[in-house]
């Protein structure tokens, strides 16, 4: 987990931000507050947020899904990119983290766009499928517990419409996935997940070296 794109020297990274990052003040404030949190490293990089907002706009998305909210930066950046009638269905289990998120969503005037479900994400995703929400979402972002990435992906693939896009965070895992000497459970899970998607003919695939690695999977 990292709050900036890995593998880029600091001077070049600073330059990248200086000529490309157009971050609204409300997002800057949220990012700065989150950086002071004991687990603030879970925050996505601002350049990744801006990239995902661009993808959402290119898709013409109106209905999006988020698995893993934390303090709400990614939810907020997507909600700001959506049209007035747009909706983010957000899944998390933490009252503490999402209390920060709710405060910023309210301040940004997008709270009515974000439907937060405080429950295990698999329960929420299964309920959405059970009530007929399959193939009704345009975009999904997965950034939660790595042990369930495959389960989140399979549900999201059912919920996304053909031509819709799933974005999955942390797939380069601070470079640990490329180190054969690292064999902890989470690293192995991400390696296996990356291999699964590489072989998955239901999608078109690209792994982008932005943030901590972002996989883009477009449903055929």
Protein backbone atom coordinates (compact mmCIF):
# COMPACT_ATOMS: atom_id res chain seq x y z
CA UNK A 1 0.00 0.00 0.00
CA UNK A 2 1.32 3.42 -0.94
CA UNK A 3 0.07 6.99 -1.21
CA UNK A 4 2.09 7.69 -4.38
CA UNK A 5 3.06 5.88 -7.56
CA UNK A 6 5.85 3.41 -6.86
CA UNK A 7 9.08 3.20 -8.82
CA UNK A 8 9.31 6.88 -9.81
CA UNK A 9 12.13 9.01 -8.34
CA UNK A 10 10.86 11.82 -6.13
CA UNK A 11 11.92 14.73 -8.40
CA UNK A 12 10.15 13.16 -11.38
CA UNK A 13 7.09 12.31 -9.26
CA UNK A 14 6.90 15.90 -8.00
CA UNK A 15 7.14 17.15 -11.58
CA UNK A 16 4.40 14.76 -12.68
CA UNK A 17 2.05 16.17 -10.06
CA UNK A 18 3.04 19.76 -10.80
CA UNK A 19 1.97 19.57 -14.44
CA UNK A 20 -0.98 17.17 -14.22
CA UNK A 21 -2.73 17.00 -10.85
CA UNK A 22 -5.93 19.08 -10.77
CA UNK A 23 -7.13 18.12 -7.31
CA UNK A 24 -10.15 19.99 -5.88
CA UNK A 25 -9.44 21.53 -2.48
CA UNK A 26 -11.90 19.23 -0.72
CA UNK A 27 -9.91 16.20 -1.95
CA UNK A 28 -6.64 17.76 -0.86
CA UNK A 29 -8.07 18.35 2.61
CA UNK A 30 -9.28 14.76 2.88
CA UNK A 31 -5.96 13.40 1.69
CA UNK A 32 -4.06 15.53 4.18
CA UNK A 33 -6.28 14.48 7.08
CA UNK A 34 -5.97 10.83 6.09
CA UNK A 35 -2.17 11.10 5.95
CA UNK A 36 -2.21 11.74 9.72
CA UNK A 37 -4.19 8.57 10.43
CA UNK A 38 -2.24 5.58 11.84
CA UNK A 39 -3.10 3.57 8.72
CA UNK A 40 -3.09 6.51 6.33
CA UNK A 41 -0.87 4.52 3.94
CA UNK A 42 -4.08 2.82 2.79
CA UNK A 43 -5.00 6.04 0.95
CA UNK A 44 -4.80 5.85 -2.85
CA UNK A 45 -2.46 8.20 -4.69
CA UNK A 46 -4.04 11.45 -5.95
CA UNK A 47 -2.85 10.83 -9.51
CA UNK A 48 -4.63 7.46 -9.40
CA UNK A 49 -7.83 9.09 -8.21
CA UNK A 50 -7.69 11.59 -11.05
CA UNK A 51 -7.04 8.78 -13.54
CA UNK A 52 -10.06 6.80 -12.31
CA UNK A 53 -12.24 9.91 -12.52
CA UNK A 54 -11.17 10.29 -16.16
CA UNK A 55 -12.05 6.64 -16.84
CA UNK A 56 -15.48 7.11 -15.30
CA UNK A 57 -16.11 10.15 -17.49
CA UNK A 58 -14.88 8.36 -20.62
CA UNK A 59 -17.26 5.49 -19.85
CA UNK A 60 -20.15 7.90 -19.41
CA UNK A 61 -20.74 6.07 -16.14
CA UNK A 62 -23.81 6.77 -14.04
CA UNK A 63 -23.79 3.83 -11.63
CA UNK A 64 -20.60 2.68 -9.92
CA UNK A 65 -19.52 0.23 -7.26
CA UNK A 66 -16.79 0.50 -4.64
CA UNK A 67 -15.49 -2.35 -2.49
CA UNK A 68 -13.45 -0.79 0.31
CA UNK A 69 -14.10 2.84 1.26
CA UNK A 70 -11.55 3.68 4.00
CA UNK A 71 -11.81 7.48 4.57
CA UNK A 72 -13.67 8.04 1.33
CA UNK A 73 -11.15 9.60 -1.06
CA UNK A 74 -11.87 7.24 -3.97
CA UNK A 75 -15.64 7.45 -3.38
CA UNK A 76 -15.44 11.23 -3.37
CA UNK A 77 -13.29 11.51 -6.48
CA UNK A 78 -15.70 9.23 -8.38
CA UNK A 79 -18.83 10.98 -7.07
CA UNK A 80 -17.43 14.34 -8.19
CA UNK A 81 -16.83 12.89 -11.68
CA UNK A 82 -20.34 11.48 -12.03
CA UNK A 83 -23.28 13.42 -13.50
CA UNK A 84 -25.90 14.83 -11.08
CA UNK A 85 -27.98 11.64 -11.29
CA UNK A 86 -24.94 9.40 -10.77
CA UNK A 87 -24.67 6.92 -7.91
CA UNK A 88 -21.83 5.20 -6.02
CA UNK A 89 -22.74 2.02 -4.15
CA UNK A 90 -20.00 1.78 -1.53
CA UNK A 91 -19.12 -1.21 0.67
CA UNK A 92 -17.16 -1.11 3.91
CA UNK A 93 -17.31 -2.49 7.46
CA UNK A 94 -15.71 0.34 9.44
CA UNK A 95 -17.86 2.92 11.20
CA UNK A 96 -14.68 4.75 12.25
CA UNK A 97 -13.15 5.18 8.81
CA UNK A 98 -16.40 5.91 7.00
CA UNK A 99 -17.37 8.57 9.55
CA UNK A 100 -14.51 10.62 8.10
CA UNK A 101 -15.73 9.77 4.60
CA UNK A 102 -19.30 10.88 5.34
CA UNK A 103 -18.09 14.22 6.67
CA UNK A 104 -16.21 15.00 3.47
CA UNK A 105 -18.97 13.70 1.21
CA UNK A 106 -21.34 16.09 2.96
CA UNK A 107 -18.96 19.02 2.67
CA UNK A 108 -18.47 18.32 -1.04
CA UNK A 109 -22.23 18.20 -1.63
CA UNK A 110 -22.21 14.64 -3.00
CA UNK A 111 -23.54 12.68 -0.01
CA UNK A 112 -26.79 12.03 -1.89
CA UNK A 113 -24.81 10.31 -4.66
CA UNK A 114 -23.17 7.76 -2.34
CA UNK A 115 -25.08 4.78 -0.95
CA UNK A 116 -22.90 3.35 1.83
CA UNK A 117 -23.46 -0.24 2.96
CA UNK A 118 -21.81 -1.03 6.30
CA UNK A 119 -21.60 -4.82 6.14
CA UNK A 120 -19.20 -7.46 4.85
CA UNK A 121 -18.82 -6.63 1.18
CA UNK A 122 -19.60 -10.14 -0.06
CA UNK A 123 -22.98 -9.94 1.70
CA UNK A 124 -23.73 -6.62 0.02
CA UNK A 125 -22.62 -7.85 -3.41
CA UNK A 126 -24.67 -11.04 -3.09
CA UNK A 127 -27.72 -9.00 -2.07
CA UNK A 128 -27.30 -6.76 -5.10
CA UNK A 129 -27.23 -9.81 -7.34
CA UNK A 130 -30.22 -11.34 -5.55
CA UNK A 131 -32.39 -8.28 -6.19
CA UNK A 132 -31.63 -8.19 -9.91
CA UNK A 133 -28.75 -5.70 -10.11
CA UNK A 134 -26.63 -7.90 -12.41
CA UNK A 135 -25.13 -6.04 -15.40
CA UNK A 136 -26.43 -2.65 -14.20
CA UNK A 137 -23.15 -1.06 -13.07
CA UNK A 138 -20.78 0.83 -15.36
CA UNK A 139 -17.66 0.84 -13.19
CA UNK A 140 -16.31 -0.89 -10.09
CA UNK A 141 -13.29 -0.21 -7.89
CA UNK A 142 -11.93 -2.96 -5.65
CA UNK A 143 -9.60 -1.92 -2.83
CA UNK A 144 -10.27 -4.09 0.21
CA UNK A 145 -8.90 -7.22 1.93
CA UNK A 146 -6.64 -9.04 -0.50
CA UNK A 147 -7.72 -12.54 0.59
CA UNK A 148 -11.14 -11.87 -0.96
CA UNK A 149 -10.01 -10.19 -4.17
CA UNK A 150 -11.09 -13.14 -6.32
CA UNK A 151 -14.53 -13.24 -4.69
CA UNK A 152 -15.00 -9.48 -5.05
CA UNK A 153 -13.91 -9.67 -8.66
CA UNK A 154 -16.28 -12.51 -9.57
CA UNK A 155 -19.28 -10.70 -8.03
CA UNK A 156 -18.28 -7.41 -9.62
CA UNK A 157 -17.94 -9.08 -13.01
CA UNK A 158 -21.55 -10.20 -12.70
CA UNK A 159 -22.71 -6.75 -11.61
CA UNK A 160 -20.88 -4.85 -14.35
CA UNK A 161 -22.54 -4.42 -17.72
CA UNK A 162 -20.81 -5.64 -20.89
CA UNK A 163 -18.33 -2.92 -21.80
CA UNK A 164 -18.11 -1.85 -18.17
CA UNK A 165 -14.84 -1.58 -16.30
CA UNK A 166 -13.44 -3.03 -13.07
CA UNK A 167 -10.39 -1.36 -11.50
CA UNK A 168 -8.44 -3.32 -8.87
CA UNK A 169 -5.89 -1.65 -6.59
CA UNK A 170 -2.57 -2.81 -5.08
CA UNK A 171 -1.82 -5.43 -7.71
CA UNK A 172 1.92 -4.63 -7.67
CA UNK A 173 1.95 -4.71 -3.85
CA UNK A 174 4.90 -2.30 -3.44
CA UNK A 175 6.93 -4.56 -5.75
CA UNK A 176 6.68 -7.59 -3.49
CA UNK A 177 4.86 -9.66 -6.12
CA UNK A 178 8.06 -9.68 -8.20
CA UNK A 179 10.31 -10.89 -5.38
CA UNK A 180 10.36 -14.73 -5.27
CA UNK A 181 11.75 -14.68 -1.75
CA UNK A 182 8.55 -13.07 -0.42
CA UNK A 183 6.00 -15.82 0.20
CA UNK A 184 3.57 -14.40 2.79
CA UNK A 185 -0.11 -15.18 2.32
CA UNK A 186 -1.27 -11.79 1.01
CA UNK A 187 1.53 -11.55 -1.53
CA UNK A 188 0.78 -15.06 -2.79
CA UNK A 189 -2.93 -14.20 -3.02
CA UNK A 190 -2.21 -11.17 -5.18
CA UNK A 191 0.16 -13.14 -7.42
CA UNK A 192 -2.51 -15.81 -7.93
CA UNK A 193 -5.15 -13.16 -8.58
CA UNK A 194 -2.96 -11.46 -11.19
CA UNK A 195 -2.40 -14.79 -12.94
CA UNK A 196 -6.13 -15.53 -12.88
CA UNK A 197 -6.98 -12.28 -14.62
CA UNK A 198 -4.17 -12.76 -17.13
CA UNK A 199 -5.86 -16.01 -18.18
CA UNK A 200 -9.47 -14.72 -17.98
CA UNK A 201 -10.97 -14.58 -21.48
CA UNK A 202 -14.13 -12.83 -20.22
CA UNK A 203 -12.27 -9.55 -20.06
CA UNK A 204 -9.82 -7.32 -21.87
CA UNK A 205 -6.96 -6.49 -19.54
CA UNK A 206 -4.37 -3.88 -18.73
CA UNK A 207 -2.20 -3.49 -15.63
CA UNK A 208 -1.25 0.15 -15.14
CA UNK A 209 1.83 1.04 -13.03
CA UNK A 210 0.10 3.91 -11.27
CA UNK A 211 -0.18 4.12 -7.49
CA UNK A 212 0.50 0.62 -6.15
CA UNK A 213 -0.49 -0.98 -9.45
CA UNK A 214 -4.00 -0.74 -10.91
CA UNK A 215 -5.51 -3.53 -12.99
CA UNK A 216 -8.19 -2.55 -15.48
CA UNK A 217 -10.55 -5.32 -16.56
CA UNK A 218 -13.16 -4.49 -19.22
CA UNK A 219 -16.02 -6.96 -19.43
CA UNK A 220 -16.50 -8.30 -22.93
